C-alpha atoms as a PDB file:
ATOM      1  CA  MET A   1      83.808  54.364  98.635  1.00  0.00           C
ATOM      2  CA  ASP A   2      84.838  57.693  97.109  1.00  0.00           C
ATOM      3  CA  ALA A   3      87.783  59.799  98.700  1.00  0.00           C
ATOM      4  CA  SER A   4      85.204  62.377 100.452  1.00  0.00           C
ATOM      5  CA  ARG A   5      83.131  59.542 101.934  1.00  0.00           C
ATOM      6  CA  GLU A   6      86.207  58.002 103.205  1.00  0.00           C
ATOM      7  CA  LEU A   7      87.553  61.309 104.651  1.00  0.00           C
ATOM      8  CA  SER A   8      84.129  61.865 106.480  1.00  0.00           C
ATOM      9  CA  ARG A   9      84.424  58.454 108.117  1.00  0.00           C
ATOM     10  CA  ALA A  10      88.146  58.789 109.019  1.00  0.00           C
ATOM     11  CA  ARG A  11      87.419  62.070 110.867  1.00  0.00           C
ATOM     12  CA  GLN A  12      84.466  60.705 112.873  1.00  0.00           C
ATOM     13  CA  PRO A  13      86.064  58.054 115.077  1.00  0.00           C
ATOM     14  CA  GLU A  14      83.545  55.316 116.570  1.00  0.00           C
ATOM     15  CA  GLY A  15      81.862  56.744 119.792  1.00  0.00           C
ATOM     16  CA  GLY A  16      82.736  60.268 118.806  1.00  0.00           C
ATOM     17  CA  GLY A  17      85.724  60.393 120.796  1.00  0.00           C
ATOM     18  CA  ALA A  18      88.939  62.190 120.172  1.00  0.00           C
ATOM     19  CA  HIS A  19      91.081  61.191 117.317  1.00  0.00           C
ATOM     20  CA  GLU A  20      93.465  58.370 117.987  1.00  0.00           C
ATOM     21  CA  VAL A  21      96.584  57.475 116.292  1.00  0.00           C
ATOM     22  CA  SER A  22      94.813  54.966 114.194  1.00  0.00           C
ATOM     23  CA  GLY A  23      91.951  57.537 113.139  1.00  0.00           C
ATOM     24  CA  ASP A  24      94.945  59.761 112.080  1.00  0.00           C
ATOM     25  CA  ARG A  25      96.470  57.007 110.110  1.00  0.00           C
ATOM     26  CA  GLU A  26      93.301  56.411 108.299  1.00  0.00           C
ATOM     27  CA  LEU A  27      92.805  60.258 107.728  1.00  0.00           C
ATOM     28  CA  ARG A  28      96.368  60.284 106.262  1.00  0.00           C
ATOM     29  CA  ARG A  29      95.532  57.477 103.981  1.00  0.00           C
ATOM     30  CA  ALA A  30      92.108  58.819 102.936  1.00  0.00           C
ATOM     31  CA  LEU A  31      94.142  62.224 102.125  1.00  0.00           C
ATOM     32  CA  ARG A  32      96.488  60.480  99.708  1.00  0.00           C
ATOM     33  CA  LYS A  33      93.272  59.794  97.535  1.00  0.00           C
ATOM     34  CA  VAL A  34      91.716  63.144  97.577  1.00  0.00           C
ATOM     35  CA  ARG A  35      92.052  64.978  94.130  1.00  0.00           C
ATOM     36  CA  ARG A  36      90.406  68.165  95.185  1.00  0.00           C
ATOM     37  CA  LEU A  37      91.164  69.894  98.469  1.00  0.00           C
ATOM     38  CA  VAL A  38      89.066  72.792  99.566  1.00  0.00           C
ATOM     39  CA  VAL A  39      90.522  75.063 102.437  1.00  0.00           C
ATOM     40  CA  LYS A  40      88.118  77.182 104.269  1.00  0.00           C
ATOM     41  CA  VAL A  41      90.128  79.802 106.033  1.00  0.00           C
ATOM     42  CA  GLY A  42      88.486  82.448 108.272  1.00  0.00           C
ATOM     43  CA  SER A  43      89.488  86.219 108.777  1.00  0.00           C
ATOM     44  CA  SER A  44      91.240  85.746 112.181  1.00  0.00           C
ATOM     45  CA  LEU A  45      93.818  83.584 110.015  1.00  0.00           C
ATOM     46  CA  ILE A  46      94.669  85.832 107.324  1.00  0.00           C
ATOM     47  CA  ALA A  47      94.015  89.416 108.821  1.00  0.00           C
ATOM     48  CA  ALA A  48      95.468  91.223 111.911  1.00  0.00           C
ATOM     49  CA  PRO A  49      92.822  93.320 113.914  1.00  0.00           C
ATOM     50  CA  GLY A  50      93.097  96.640 112.868  1.00  0.00           C
ATOM     51  CA  VAL A  51      95.520  96.179 109.919  1.00  0.00           C
ATOM     52  CA  GLY A  52      93.579  93.928 107.409  1.00  0.00           C
ATOM     53  CA  ALA A  53      95.426  91.334 105.312  1.00  0.00           C
ATOM     54  CA  ASP A  54      98.830  90.231 106.623  1.00  0.00           C
ATOM     55  CA  PRO A  55     101.171  89.509 104.029  1.00  0.00           C
ATOM     56  CA  ASP A  56     103.217  87.447 106.501  1.00  0.00           C
ATOM     57  CA  ARG A  57      99.976  85.157 107.598  1.00  0.00           C
ATOM     58  CA  ILE A  58      99.192  84.818 103.838  1.00  0.00           C
ATOM     59  CA  ASP A  59     102.618  83.638 102.781  1.00  0.00           C
ATOM     60  CA  ALA A  60     102.634  81.388 105.628  1.00  0.00           C
ATOM     61  CA  LEU A  61      99.172  79.806 104.260  1.00  0.00           C
ATOM     62  CA  ALA A  62     100.689  79.387 100.830  1.00  0.00           C
ATOM     63  CA  ALA A  63     103.457  78.031 101.997  1.00  0.00           C
ATOM     64  CA  GLU A  64     101.320  75.270 103.704  1.00  0.00           C
ATOM     65  CA  ILE A  65      99.050  74.686 100.736  1.00  0.00           C
ATOM     66  CA  ALA A  66     101.802  74.330  98.411  1.00  0.00           C
ATOM     67  CA  ARG A  67     103.265  71.428 100.725  1.00  0.00           C
ATOM     68  CA  VAL A  68     100.247  69.593 100.661  1.00  0.00           C
ATOM     69  CA  ARG A  69      99.182  69.991  96.967  1.00  0.00           C
ATOM     70  CA  LYS A  70     101.149  67.335  95.301  1.00  0.00           C
ATOM     71  CA  GLY A  71      99.112  66.924  92.152  1.00  0.00           C
ATOM     72  CA  ARG A  72      95.818  67.950  93.735  1.00  0.00           C
ATOM     73  CA  GLU A  73      93.466  70.739  92.971  1.00  0.00           C
ATOM     74  CA  VAL A  74      93.355  73.092  96.032  1.00  0.00           C
ATOM     75  CA  VAL A  75      90.493  75.700  96.451  1.00  0.00           C
ATOM     76  CA  LEU A  76      91.024  78.307  98.830  1.00  0.00           C
ATOM     77  CA  VAL A  77      87.638  79.833 100.230  1.00  0.00           C
ATOM     78  CA  THR A  78      88.301  82.902 102.388  1.00  0.00           C
ATOM     79  CA  SER A  79      85.873  85.352 104.555  1.00  0.00           C
ATOM     80  CA  GLY A  80      88.947  87.685 104.868  1.00  0.00           C
ATOM     81  CA  ALA A  81      87.370  90.164 102.651  1.00  0.00           C
ATOM     82  CA  ILE A  82      84.915  91.825 105.171  1.00  0.00           C
ATOM     83  CA  ALA A  83      87.883  92.160 107.794  1.00  0.00           C
ATOM     84  CA  THR A  84      90.237  93.741 105.332  1.00  0.00           C
ATOM     85  CA  GLY A  85      87.684  96.198 104.011  1.00  0.00           C
ATOM     86  CA  VAL A  86      86.949  97.119 107.928  1.00  0.00           C
ATOM     87  CA  ALA A  87      90.352  97.774 108.078  1.00  0.00           C
ATOM     88  CA  ARG A  88      91.090  99.515 105.063  1.00  0.00           C
ATOM     89  CA  LEU A  89      87.764 101.892 105.564  1.00  0.00           C
ATOM     90  CA  ALA A  90      89.054 102.438 109.332  1.00  0.00           C
ATOM     91  CA  LEU A  91      85.861 101.426 110.887  1.00  0.00           C
ATOM     92  CA  ALA A  92      85.791 101.154 114.659  1.00  0.00           C
ATOM     93  CA  GLU A  93      83.865  97.751 114.719  1.00  0.00           C
ATOM     94  CA  ARG A  94      82.791  95.088 112.072  1.00  0.00           C
ATOM     95  CA  PRO A  95      79.472  96.127 110.472  1.00  0.00           C
ATOM     96  CA  ARG A  96      76.330  94.279 111.291  1.00  0.00           C
ATOM     97  CA  SER A  97      73.983  95.010 108.274  1.00  0.00           C
ATOM     98  CA  ILE A  98      74.150  92.950 105.454  1.00  0.00           C
ATOM     99  CA  PRO A  99      74.504  96.167 102.995  1.00  0.00           C
ATOM    100  CA  GLU A 100      77.566  97.373 105.294  1.00  0.00           C
ATOM    101  CA  LYS A 101      79.239  93.897 105.383  1.00  0.00           C
ATOM    102  CA  GLN A 102      78.632  93.728 101.314  1.00  0.00           C
ATOM    103  CA  ALA A 103      80.347  97.116 101.286  1.00  0.00           C
ATOM    104  CA  ALA A 104      83.328  96.532 103.480  1.00  0.00           C
ATOM    105  CA  ALA A 105      83.743  93.074 101.319  1.00  0.00           C
ATOM    106  CA  ALA A 106      83.514  94.869  98.275  1.00  0.00           C
ATOM    107  CA  VAL A 107      86.629  97.242  99.538  1.00  0.00           C
ATOM    108  CA  GLY A 108      88.516  94.359 100.982  1.00  0.00           C
ATOM    109  CA  GLN A 109      88.426  91.851  98.127  1.00  0.00           C
ATOM    110  CA  SER A 110      90.548  94.070  96.088  1.00  0.00           C
ATOM    111  CA  ALA A 111      93.409  93.658  98.513  1.00  0.00           C
ATOM    112  CA  LEU A 112      93.213  89.975  98.749  1.00  0.00           C
ATOM    113  CA  PRO A 113      95.388  87.888  96.533  1.00  0.00           C
ATOM    114  CA  VAL A 114      93.408  85.946  93.689  1.00  0.00           C
ATOM    115  CA  GLY A 115      94.673  82.638  92.360  1.00  0.00           C
ATOM    116  CA  ALA A 116      94.150  81.526  88.721  1.00  0.00           C
END
């Protein structure tokens, strides 16, 4: 069984209940085998309302990712570009239409760190 299937199995305890200690052990064991880790981060984790990208939050996230990296490829995916654009454009609320969201994301993307 490949690591991603093992992770999925470890995340879903039998009976659909909450993780138990044995489930956590299975998850940790499966994580040791993972070569690529994809981390999806929402706007609220990296951006403060009305401020946009928060360097302290981004630093804390980077430190956590560095801690678990250990020989793995880590891919960070974020939706923070729109929230950052909203703040930089000083919009009163989050855009609703797709063109407005795209415009906000284009402005916000330039403020987000890009990894190699």
